[in-house]
Amino acid sequence: MVDTETYTVEAPNGDVEEIELPAGLVDVFTEQGESPTVVVGDLLIQSFAQQAHGVVHHSQGETPADLEALNEKMEALFEERFGVSLGEAMGHSH
């Protein structure tokens, strides 16, 4: 049986969510000298960027302007964190 380890995410309003992951899974994605917490943060940024991209660029119908603005900001945050655009990282752009 695999143990778990817990990471905590806190919202600006103080809400807290604990996320359990299999112990050692984060280490699979961690480069030498990198903090496991940074890796979890990286994966959160990647996931939100991909999901926002999908909603804005691959959904049926017209996208509300506020979602387009959120996606643009998320793409900028992605590029700031990783040093490459989301389009470059995903191998496709619009």
PDB file of N, CA and C in Angstrom:
ATOM      1  N   MET A   1       0.841  -1.178   0.000  1.00  0.00           N
ATOM      2  CA  MET A   1       0.000   0.000   0.000  1.00  0.00           C
ATOM      3  C   MET A   1       0.890   1.247   0.000  1.00  0.00           C
ATOM      4  N   VAL A   2       0.500   2.246  -0.765  1.00  0.00           N
ATOM      5  CA  VAL A   2       1.270   3.478  -0.894  1.00  0.00           C
ATOM      6  C   VAL A   2       0.757   4.504   0.106  1.00  0.00           C
ATOM      7  N   ASP A   3       1.686   5.117   0.819  1.00  0.00           N
ATOM      8  CA  ASP A   3       1.319   6.200   1.728  1.00  0.00           C
ATOM      9  C   ASP A   3       0.974   7.442   0.929  1.00  0.00           C
ATOM     10  N   THR A   4       0.411   8.430   1.596  1.00  0.00           N
ATOM     11  CA  THR A   4       0.102   9.696   0.950  1.00  0.00           C
ATOM     12  C   THR A   4       0.817  10.826   1.675  1.00  0.00           C
ATOM     13  N   GLU A   5       0.921  11.960   0.990  1.00  0.00           N
ATOM     14  CA  GLU A   5       1.428  13.170   1.607  1.00  0.00           C
ATOM     15  C   GLU A   5       0.437  14.281   1.273  1.00  0.00           C
ATOM     16  N   THR A   6       0.305  15.228   2.170  1.00  0.00           N
ATOM     17  CA  THR A   6      -0.721  16.253   2.044  1.00  0.00           C
ATOM     18  C   THR A   6      -0.088  17.600   1.734  1.00  0.00           C
ATOM     19  N   TYR A   7      -0.664  18.288   0.755  1.00  0.00           N
ATOM     20  CA  TYR A   7      -0.297  19.655   0.412  1.00  0.00           C
ATOM     21  C   TYR A   7      -1.509  20.520   0.705  1.00  0.00           C
ATOM     22  N   THR A   8      -1.265  21.741   1.122  1.00  0.00           N
ATOM     23  CA  THR A   8      -2.345  22.642   1.504  1.00  0.00           C
ATOM     24  C   THR A   8      -2.368  23.844   0.574  1.00  0.00           C
ATOM     25  N   VAL A   9      -3.572  24.157   0.102  1.00  0.00           N
ATOM     26  CA  VAL A   9      -3.782  25.341  -0.735  1.00  0.00           C
ATOM     27  C   VAL A   9      -4.679  26.277   0.062  1.00  0.00           C
ATOM     28  N   GLU A  10      -4.277  27.556   0.147  1.00  0.00           N
ATOM     29  CA  GLU A  10      -5.080  28.542   0.865  1.00  0.00           C
ATOM     30  C   GLU A  10      -5.530  29.635  -0.090  1.00  0.00           C
ATOM     31  N   ALA A  11      -6.821  29.920  -0.087  1.00  0.00           N
ATOM     32  CA  ALA A  11      -7.405  30.949  -0.940  1.00  0.00           C
ATOM     33  C   ALA A  11      -7.236  32.335  -0.299  1.00  0.00           C
ATOM     34  N   PRO A  12      -7.336  33.376  -1.105  1.00  0.00           N
ATOM     35  CA  PRO A  12      -7.236  34.730  -0.557  1.00  0.00           C
ATOM     36  C   PRO A  12      -8.263  35.009   0.548  1.00  0.00           C
ATOM     37  N   ASN A  13      -9.408  34.344   0.507  1.00  0.00           N
ATOM     38  CA  ASN A  13     -10.435  34.571   1.533  1.00  0.00           C
ATOM     39  C   ASN A  13     -10.218  33.717   2.784  1.00  0.00           C
ATOM     40  N   GLY A  14      -9.136  32.939   2.808  1.00  0.00           N
ATOM     41  CA  GLY A  14      -8.805  32.127   3.971  1.00  0.00           C
ATOM     42  C   GLY A  14      -9.272  30.690   3.900  1.00  0.00           C
ATOM     43  N   ASP A  15     -10.101  30.340   2.904  1.00  0.00           N
ATOM     44  CA  ASP A  15     -10.498  28.941   2.748  1.00  0.00           C
ATOM     45  C   ASP A  15      -9.257  28.094   2.503  1.00  0.00           C
ATOM     46  N   VAL A  16      -9.263  26.899   3.063  1.00  0.00           N
ATOM     47  CA  VAL A  16      -8.117  26.003   2.948  1.00  0.00           C
ATOM     48  C   VAL A  16      -8.597  24.662   2.406  1.00  0.00           C
ATOM     49  N   GLU A  17      -7.834  24.132   1.458  1.00  0.00           N
ATOM     50  CA  GLU A  17      -8.101  22.805   0.897  1.00  0.00           C
ATOM     51  C   GLU A  17      -6.836  21.968   1.056  1.00  0.00           C
ATOM     52  N   GLU A  18      -6.999  20.786   1.614  1.00  0.00           N
ATOM     53  CA  GLU A  18      -5.873  19.861   1.713  1.00  0.00           C
ATOM     54  C   GLU A  18      -5.987  18.847   0.590  1.00  0.00           C
ATOM     55  N   ILE A  19      -4.879  18.637  -0.093  1.00  0.00           N
ATOM     56  CA  ILE A  19      -4.843  17.732  -1.239  1.00  0.00           C
ATOM     57  C   ILE A  19      -3.880  16.598  -0.912  1.00  0.00           C
ATOM     58  N   GLU A  20      -4.378  15.390  -0.970  1.00  0.00           N
ATOM     59  CA  GLU A  20      -3.540  14.217  -0.731  1.00  0.00           C
ATOM     60  C   GLU A  20      -3.046  13.673  -2.058  1.00  0.00           C
ATOM     61  N   LEU A  21      -1.766  13.399  -2.104  1.00  0.00           N
ATOM     62  CA  LEU A  21      -1.147  12.791  -3.281  1.00  0.00           C
ATOM     63  C   LEU A  21      -0.370  11.567  -2.821  1.00  0.00           C
ATOM     64  N   PRO A  22      -0.209  10.587  -3.698  1.00  0.00           N
ATOM     65  CA  PRO A  22       0.618   9.443  -3.321  1.00  0.00           C
ATOM     66  C   PRO A  22       2.038   9.911  -2.971  1.00  0.00           C
ATOM     67  N   ALA A  23       2.545   9.447  -1.855  1.00  0.00           N
ATOM     68  CA  ALA A  23       3.900   9.801  -1.436  1.00  0.00           C
ATOM     69  C   ALA A  23       4.891   9.391  -2.518  1.00  0.00           C
ATOM     70  N   GLY A  24       5.741  10.308  -2.904  1.00  0.00           N
ATOM     71  CA  GLY A  24       6.744  10.031  -3.921  1.00  0.00           C
ATOM     72  C   GLY A  24       6.350  10.464  -5.317  1.00  0.00           C
ATOM     73  N   LEU A  25       5.067  10.702  -5.555  1.00  0.00           N
ATOM     74  CA  LEU A  25       4.641  11.100  -6.899  1.00  0.00           C
ATOM     75  C   LEU A  25       5.211  12.464  -7.280  1.00  0.00           C
ATOM     76  N   VAL A  26       5.184  13.407  -6.358  1.00  0.00           N
ATOM     77  CA  VAL A  26       5.733  14.731  -6.656  1.00  0.00           C
ATOM     78  C   VAL A  26       7.213  14.624  -6.994  1.00  0.00           C
ATOM     79  N   ASP A  27       7.913  13.714  -6.324  1.00  0.00           N
ATOM     80  CA  ASP A  27       9.349  13.528  -6.582  1.00  0.00           C
ATOM     81  C   ASP A  27       9.631  13.118  -8.017  1.00  0.00           C
ATOM     82  N   VAL A  28       8.681  12.445  -8.651  1.00  0.00           N
ATOM     83  CA  VAL A  28       8.843  12.022 -10.044  1.00  0.00           C
ATOM     84  C   VAL A  28       9.038  13.245 -10.943  1.00  0.00           C
ATOM     85  N   PHE A  29       8.404  14.357 -10.578  1.00  0.00           N
ATOM     86  CA  PHE A  29       8.438  15.567 -11.400  1.00  0.00           C
ATOM     87  C   PHE A  29       9.421  16.614 -10.883  1.00  0.00           C
ATOM     88  N   THR A  30      10.131  16.310  -9.807  1.00  0.00           N
ATOM     89  CA  THR A  30      11.042  17.255  -9.181  1.00  0.00           C
ATOM     90  C   THR A  30      12.443  17.103  -9.751  1.00  0.00           C
ATOM     91  N   GLU A  31      13.020  18.243 -10.158  1.00  0.00           N
ATOM     92  CA  GLU A  31      14.407  18.233 -10.615  1.00  0.00           C
ATOM     93  C   GLU A  31      15.320  18.459  -9.418  1.00  0.00           C
ATOM     94  N   GLN A  32      16.574  18.092  -9.557  1.00  0.00           N
ATOM     95  CA  GLN A  32      17.528  18.188  -8.457  1.00  0.00           C
ATOM     96  C   GLN A  32      17.541  19.598  -7.871  1.00  0.00           C
ATOM     97  N   GLY A  33      17.406  19.666  -6.556  1.00  0.00           N
ATOM     98  CA  GLY A  33      17.435  20.934  -5.855  1.00  0.00           C
ATOM     99  C   GLY A  33      16.117  21.684  -5.842  1.00  0.00           C
ATOM    100  N   GLU A  34      15.111  21.148  -6.492  1.00  0.00           N
ATOM    101  CA  GLU A  34      13.820  21.821  -6.585  1.00  0.00           C
ATOM    102  C   GLU A  34      12.928  21.388  -5.420  1.00  0.00           C
ATOM    103  N   SER A  35      12.196  22.317  -4.879  1.00  0.00           N
ATOM    104  CA  SER A  35      11.292  22.042  -3.774  1.00  0.00           C
ATOM    105  C   SER A  35      10.032  21.326  -4.267  1.00  0.00           C
ATOM    106  N   PRO A  36       9.572  20.315  -3.545  1.00  0.00           N
ATOM    107  CA  PRO A  36       8.320  19.658  -3.922  1.00  0.00           C
ATOM    108  C   PRO A  36       7.151  20.647  -3.990  1.00  0.00           C
ATOM    109  N   THR A  37       7.147  21.637  -3.121  1.00  0.00           N
ATOM    110  CA  THR A  37       6.078  22.632  -3.131  1.00  0.00           C
ATOM    111  C   THR A  37       6.079  23.424  -4.430  1.00  0.00           C
ATOM    112  N   VAL A  38       7.251  23.740  -4.957  1.00  0.00           N
ATOM    113  CA  VAL A  38       7.347  24.453  -6.237  1.00  0.00           C
ATOM    114  C   VAL A  38       6.779  23.581  -7.350  1.00  0.00           C
ATOM    115  N   VAL A  39       7.050  22.297  -7.305  1.00  0.00           N
ATOM    116  CA  VAL A  39       6.530  21.379  -8.324  1.00  0.00           C
ATOM    117  C   VAL A  39       5.007  21.334  -8.279  1.00  0.00           C
ATOM    118  N   VAL A  40       4.438  21.272  -7.099  1.00  0.00           N
ATOM    119  CA  VAL A  40       2.978  21.268  -6.972  1.00  0.00           C
ATOM    120  C   VAL A  40       2.426  22.587  -7.525  1.00  0.00           C
ATOM    121  N   GLY A  41       3.069  23.700  -7.208  1.00  0.00           N
ATOM    122  CA  GLY A  41       2.655  24.992  -7.755  1.00  0.00           C
ATOM    123  C   GLY A  41       2.758  25.028  -9.266  1.00  0.00           C
ATOM    124  N   ASP A  42       3.851  24.491  -9.803  1.00  0.00           N
ATOM    125  CA  ASP A  42       4.020  24.428 -11.259  1.00  0.00           C
ATOM    126  C   ASP A  42       2.875  23.663 -11.920  1.00  0.00           C
ATOM    127  N   LEU A  43       2.521  22.534 -11.328  1.00  0.00           N
ATOM    128  CA  LEU A  43       1.450  21.724 -11.906  1.00  0.00           C
ATOM    129  C   LEU A  43       0.095  22.411 -11.800  1.00  0.00           C
ATOM    130  N   LEU A  44      -0.125  23.165 -10.747  1.00  0.00           N
ATOM    131  CA  LEU A  44      -1.364  23.940 -10.644  1.00  0.00           C
ATOM    132  C   LEU A  44      -1.424  25.004 -11.735  1.00  0.00           C
ATOM    133  N   ILE A  45      -0.319  25.716 -11.939  1.00  0.00           N
ATOM    134  CA  ILE A  45      -0.265  26.747 -12.990  1.00  0.00           C
ATOM    135  C   ILE A  45      -0.497  26.103 -14.357  1.00  0.00           C
ATOM    136  N   GLN A  46       0.181  24.994 -14.619  1.00  0.00           N
ATOM    137  CA  GLN A  46       0.015  24.308 -15.904  1.00  0.00           C
ATOM    138  C   GLN A  46      -1.434  23.873 -16.111  1.00  0.00           C
ATOM    139  N   SER A  47      -2.033  23.298 -15.087  1.00  0.00           N
ATOM    140  CA  SER A  47      -3.397  22.805 -15.205  1.00  0.00           C
ATOM    141  C   SER A  47      -4.382  23.943 -15.466  1.00  0.00           C
ATOM    142  N   PHE A  48      -4.283  25.015 -14.696  1.00  0.00           N
ATOM    143  CA  PHE A  48      -5.198  26.139 -14.910  1.00  0.00           C
ATOM    144  C   PHE A  48      -4.988  26.771 -16.275  1.00  0.00           C
ATOM    145  N   ALA A  49      -3.749  26.873 -16.723  1.00  0.00           N
ATOM    146  CA  ALA A  49      -3.483  27.454 -18.046  1.00  0.00           C
ATOM    147  C   ALA A  49      -4.087  26.585 -19.148  1.00  0.00           C
ATOM    148  N   GLN A  50      -3.917  25.278 -19.051  1.00  0.00           N
ATOM    149  CA  GLN A  50      -4.475  24.378 -20.058  1.00  0.00           C
ATOM    150  C   GLN A  50      -6.000  24.386 -20.042  1.00  0.00           C
ATOM    151  N   GLN A  51      -6.582  24.394 -18.846  1.00  0.00           N
ATOM    152  CA  GLN A  51      -8.041  24.401 -18.746  1.00  0.00           C
ATOM    153  C   GLN A  51      -8.626  25.707 -19.278  1.00  0.00           C
ATOM    154  N   ALA A  52      -8.015  26.835 -18.933  1.00  0.00           N
ATOM    155  CA  ALA A  52      -8.500  28.130 -19.425  1.00  0.00           C
ATOM    156  C   ALA A  52      -8.382  28.197 -20.940  1.00  0.00           C
ATOM    157  N   HIS A  53      -7.271  27.702 -21.463  1.00  0.00           N
ATOM    158  CA  HIS A  53      -7.075  27.668 -22.911  1.00  0.00           C
ATOM    159  C   HIS A  53      -8.179  26.852 -23.575  1.00  0.00           C
ATOM    160  N   GLY A  54      -8.464  25.702 -23.020  1.00  0.00           N
ATOM    161  CA  GLY A  54      -9.495  24.832 -23.578  1.00  0.00           C
ATOM    162  C   GLY A  54     -10.865  25.482 -23.575  1.00  0.00           C
ATOM    163  N   VAL A  55     -11.216  26.146 -22.486  1.00  0.00           N
ATOM    164  CA  VAL A  55     -12.523  26.800 -22.391  1.00  0.00           C
ATOM    165  C   VAL A  55     -12.640  27.922 -23.419  1.00  0.00           C
ATOM    166  N   VAL A  56     -11.586  28.709 -23.555  1.00  0.00           N
ATOM    167  CA  VAL A  56     -11.634  29.872 -24.447  1.00  0.00           C
ATOM    168  C   VAL A  56     -11.508  29.481 -25.914  1.00  0.00           C
ATOM    169  N   HIS A  57     -10.628  28.536 -26.222  1.00  0.00           N
ATOM    170  CA  HIS A  57     -10.315  28.258 -27.623  1.00  0.00           C
ATOM    171  C   HIS A  57     -10.944  26.991 -28.206  1.00  0.00           C
ATOM    172  N   HIS A  58     -11.478  26.140 -27.370  1.00  0.00           N
ATOM    173  CA  HIS A  58     -11.967  24.869 -27.881  1.00  0.00           C
ATOM    174  C   HIS A  58     -13.391  24.533 -27.443  1.00  0.00           C
ATOM    175  N   SER A  59     -14.112  25.503 -26.913  1.00  0.00           N
ATOM    176  CA  SER A  59     -15.500  25.297 -26.514  1.00  0.00           C
ATOM    177  C   SER A  59     -16.430  25.712 -27.642  1.00  0.00           C
ATOM    178  N   GLN A  60     -17.621  25.189 -27.601  1.00  0.00           N
ATOM    179  CA  GLN A  60     -18.648  25.560 -28.570  1.00  0.00           C
ATOM    180  C   GLN A  60     -19.209  26.931 -28.214  1.00  0.00           C
ATOM    181  N   GLY A  61     -19.540  27.722 -29.216  1.00  0.00           N
ATOM    182  CA  GLY A  61     -20.187  29.004 -28.981  1.00  0.00           C
ATOM    183  C   GLY A  61     -19.200  30.124 -28.735  1.00  0.00           C
ATOM    184  N   GLU A  62     -19.772  31.282 -28.446  1.00  0.00           N
ATOM    185  CA  GLU A  62     -18.976  32.487 -28.233  1.00  0.00           C
ATOM    186  C   GLU A  62     -18.440  32.524 -26.798  1.00  0.00           C
ATOM    187  N   THR A  63     -17.209  32.968 -26.647  1.00  0.00           N
ATOM    188  CA  THR A  63     -16.585  33.051 -25.335  1.00  0.00           C
ATOM    189  C   THR A  63     -16.813  34.439 -24.750  1.00  0.00           C
ATOM    190  N   PRO A  64     -17.320  34.526 -23.535  1.00  0.00           N
ATOM    191  CA  PRO A  64     -17.491  35.829 -22.899  1.00  0.00           C
ATOM    192  C   PRO A  64     -16.150  36.560 -22.759  1.00  0.00           C
ATOM    193  N   ALA A  65     -16.186  37.879 -22.871  1.00  0.00           N
ATOM    194  CA  ALA A  65     -14.967  38.694 -22.814  1.00  0.00           C
ATOM    195  C   ALA A  65     -14.213  38.512 -21.506  1.00  0.00           C
ATOM    196  N   ASP A  66     -14.950  38.337 -20.400  1.00  0.00           N
ATOM    197  CA  ASP A  66     -14.250  38.176 -19.128  1.00  0.00           C
ATOM    198  C   ASP A  66     -13.429  36.890 -19.097  1.00  0.00           C
ATOM    199  N   LEU A  67     -13.920  35.826 -19.745  1.00  0.00           N
ATOM    200  CA  LEU A  67     -13.137  34.587 -19.808  1.00  0.00           C
ATOM    201  C   LEU A  67     -11.911  34.753 -20.697  1.00  0.00           C
ATOM    202  N   GLU A  68     -12.058  35.499 -21.774  1.00  0.00           N
ATOM    203  CA  GLU A  68     -10.899  35.773 -22.626  1.00  0.00           C
ATOM    204  C   GLU A  68      -9.840  36.537 -21.847  1.00  0.00           C
ATOM    205  N   ALA A  69     -10.260  37.518 -21.053  1.00  0.00           N
ATOM    206  CA  ALA A  69      -9.315  38.297 -20.245  1.00  0.00           C
ATOM    207  C   ALA A  69      -8.640  37.417 -19.194  1.00  0.00           C
ATOM    208  N   LEU A  70      -9.411  36.535 -18.564  1.00  0.00           N
ATOM    209  CA  LEU A  70      -8.827  35.617 -17.579  1.00  0.00           C
ATOM    210  C   LEU A  70      -7.803  34.695 -18.231  1.00  0.00           C
ATOM    211  N   ASN A  71      -8.120  34.202 -19.417  1.00  0.00           N
ATOM    212  CA  ASN A  71      -7.201  33.329 -20.135  1.00  0.00           C
ATOM    213  C   ASN A  71      -5.923  34.073 -20.504  1.00  0.00           C
ATOM    214  N   GLU A  72      -6.060  35.300 -20.978  1.00  0.00           N
ATOM    215  CA  GLU A  72      -4.869  36.093 -21.329  1.00  0.00           C
ATOM    216  C   GLU A  72      -3.970  36.293 -20.120  1.00  0.00           C
ATOM    217  N   LYS A  73      -4.571  36.603 -18.971  1.00  0.00           N
ATOM    218  CA  LYS A  73      -3.782  36.785 -17.755  1.00  0.00           C
ATOM    219  C   LYS A  73      -3.129  35.475 -17.344  1.00  0.00           C
ATOM    220  N   MET A  74      -3.875  34.367 -17.455  1.00  0.00           N
ATOM    221  CA  MET A  74      -3.310  33.066 -17.087  1.00  0.00           C
ATOM    222  C   MET A  74      -2.137  32.719 -17.986  1.00  0.00           C
ATOM    223  N   GLU A  75      -2.262  33.013 -19.283  1.00  0.00           N
ATOM    224  CA  GLU A  75      -1.153  32.761 -20.203  1.00  0.00           C
ATOM    225  C   GLU A  75       0.059  33.618 -19.848  1.00  0.00           C
ATOM    226  N   ALA A  76      -0.166  34.858 -19.436  1.00  0.00           N
ATOM    227  CA  ALA A  76       0.940  35.727 -19.025  1.00  0.00           C
ATOM    228  C   ALA A  76       1.604  35.196 -17.756  1.00  0.00           C
ATOM    229  N   LEU A  77       0.801  34.728 -16.805  1.00  0.00           N
ATOM    230  CA  LEU A  77       1.368  34.151 -15.580  1.00  0.00           C
ATOM    231  C   LEU A  77       2.158  32.880 -15.881  1.00  0.00           C
ATOM    232  N   PHE A  78       1.658  32.077 -16.814  1.00  0.00           N
ATOM    233  CA  PHE A  78       2.363  30.867 -17.234  1.00  0.00           C
ATOM    234  C   PHE A  78       3.732  31.237 -17.806  1.00  0.00           C
ATOM    235  N   GLU A  79       3.739  32.198 -18.722  1.00  0.00           N
ATOM    236  CA  GLU A  79       5.000  32.592 -19.361  1.00  0.00           C
ATOM    237  C   GLU A  79       5.967  33.199 -18.353  1.00  0.00           C
ATOM    238  N   GLU A  80       5.443  33.967 -17.408  1.00  0.00           N
ATOM    239  CA  GLU A  80       6.285  34.556 -16.363  1.00  0.00           C
ATOM    240  C   GLU A  80       6.952  33.464 -15.525  1.00  0.00           C
ATOM    241  N   ARG A  81       6.203  32.431 -15.217  1.00  0.00           N
ATOM    242  CA  ARG A  81       6.730  31.361 -14.361  1.00  0.00           C
ATOM    243  C   ARG A  81       7.705  30.441 -15.096  1.00  0.00           C
ATOM    244  N   PHE A  82       7.390  30.115 -16.353  1.00  0.00           N
ATOM    245  CA  PHE A  82       8.170  29.097 -17.061  1.00  0.00           C
ATOM    246  C   PHE A  82       9.112  29.644 -18.132  1.00  0.00           C
ATOM    247  N   GLY A  83       8.964  30.916 -18.484  1.00  0.00           N
ATOM    248  CA  GLY A  83       9.875  31.510 -19.462  1.00  0.00           C
ATOM    249  C   GLY A  83       9.566  31.152 -20.901  1.00  0.00           C
ATOM    250  N   VAL A  84       8.452  30.510 -21.148  1.00  0.00           N
ATOM    251  CA  VAL A  84       7.988  30.205 -22.510  1.00  0.00           C
ATOM    252  C   VAL A  84       6.487  30.440 -22.543  1.00  0.00           C
ATOM    253  N   SER A  85       5.986  30.737 -23.730  1.00  0.00           N
ATOM    254  CA  SER A  85       4.547  30.939 -23.850  1.00  0.00           C
ATOM    255  C   SER A  85       3.829  29.601 -23.728  1.00  0.00           C
ATOM    256  N   LEU A  86       2.548  29.678 -23.386  1.00  0.00           N
ATOM    257  CA  LEU A  86       1.747  28.454 -23.306  1.00  0.00           C
ATOM    258  C   LEU A  86       1.699  27.772 -24.672  1.00  0.00           C
ATOM    259  N   GLY A  87       1.563  28.574 -25.731  1.00  0.00           N
ATOM    260  CA  GLY A  87       1.546  28.008 -27.078  1.00  0.00           C
ATOM    261  C   GLY A  87       2.813  27.226 -27.387  1.00  0.00           C
ATOM    262  N   GLU A  88       3.966  27.778 -27.011  1.00  0.00           N
ATOM    263  CA  GLU A  88       5.235  27.071 -27.220  1.00  0.00           C
ATOM    264  C   GLU A  88       5.278  25.777 -26.413  1.00  0.00           C
ATOM    265  N   ALA A  89       4.841  25.849 -25.158  1.00  0.00           N
ATOM    266  CA  ALA A  89       4.889  24.683 -24.286  1.00  0.00           C
ATOM    267  C   ALA A  89       3.947  23.572 -24.781  1.00  0.00           C
ATOM    268  N   MET A  90       2.788  23.982 -25.317  1.00  0.00           N
ATOM    269  CA  MET A  90       1.814  23.010 -25.792  1.00  0.00           C
ATOM    270  C   MET A  90       2.070  22.580 -27.229  1.00  0.00           C
ATOM    271  N   GLY A  91       2.899  23.330 -27.918  1.00  0.00           N
ATOM    272  CA  GLY A  91       3.175  22.981 -29.316  1.00  0.00           C
ATOM    273  C   GLY A  91       2.079  23.402 -30.267  1.00  0.00           C
ATOM    274  N   HIS A  92       1.232  24.337 -29.797  1.00  0.00           N
ATOM    275  CA  HIS A  92       0.208  24.889 -30.676  1.00  0.00           C
ATOM    276  C   HIS A  92      -0.268  26.229 -30.141  1.00  0.00           C
ATOM    277  N   SER A  93      -0.730  27.065 -31.046  1.00  0.00           N
ATOM    278  CA  SER A  93      -1.221  28.381 -30.630  1.00  0.00           C
ATOM    279  C   SER A  93      -2.379  28.792 -31.510  1.00  0.00           C
ATOM    280  N   HIS A  94      -3.003  29.889 -31.150  1.00  0.00           N
ATOM    281  CA  HIS A  94      -4.162  30.385 -31.904  1.00  0.00           C
ATOM    282  C   HIS A  94      -3.900  31.791 -32.356  1.00  0.00           C
TER     283      HIS A  94
END
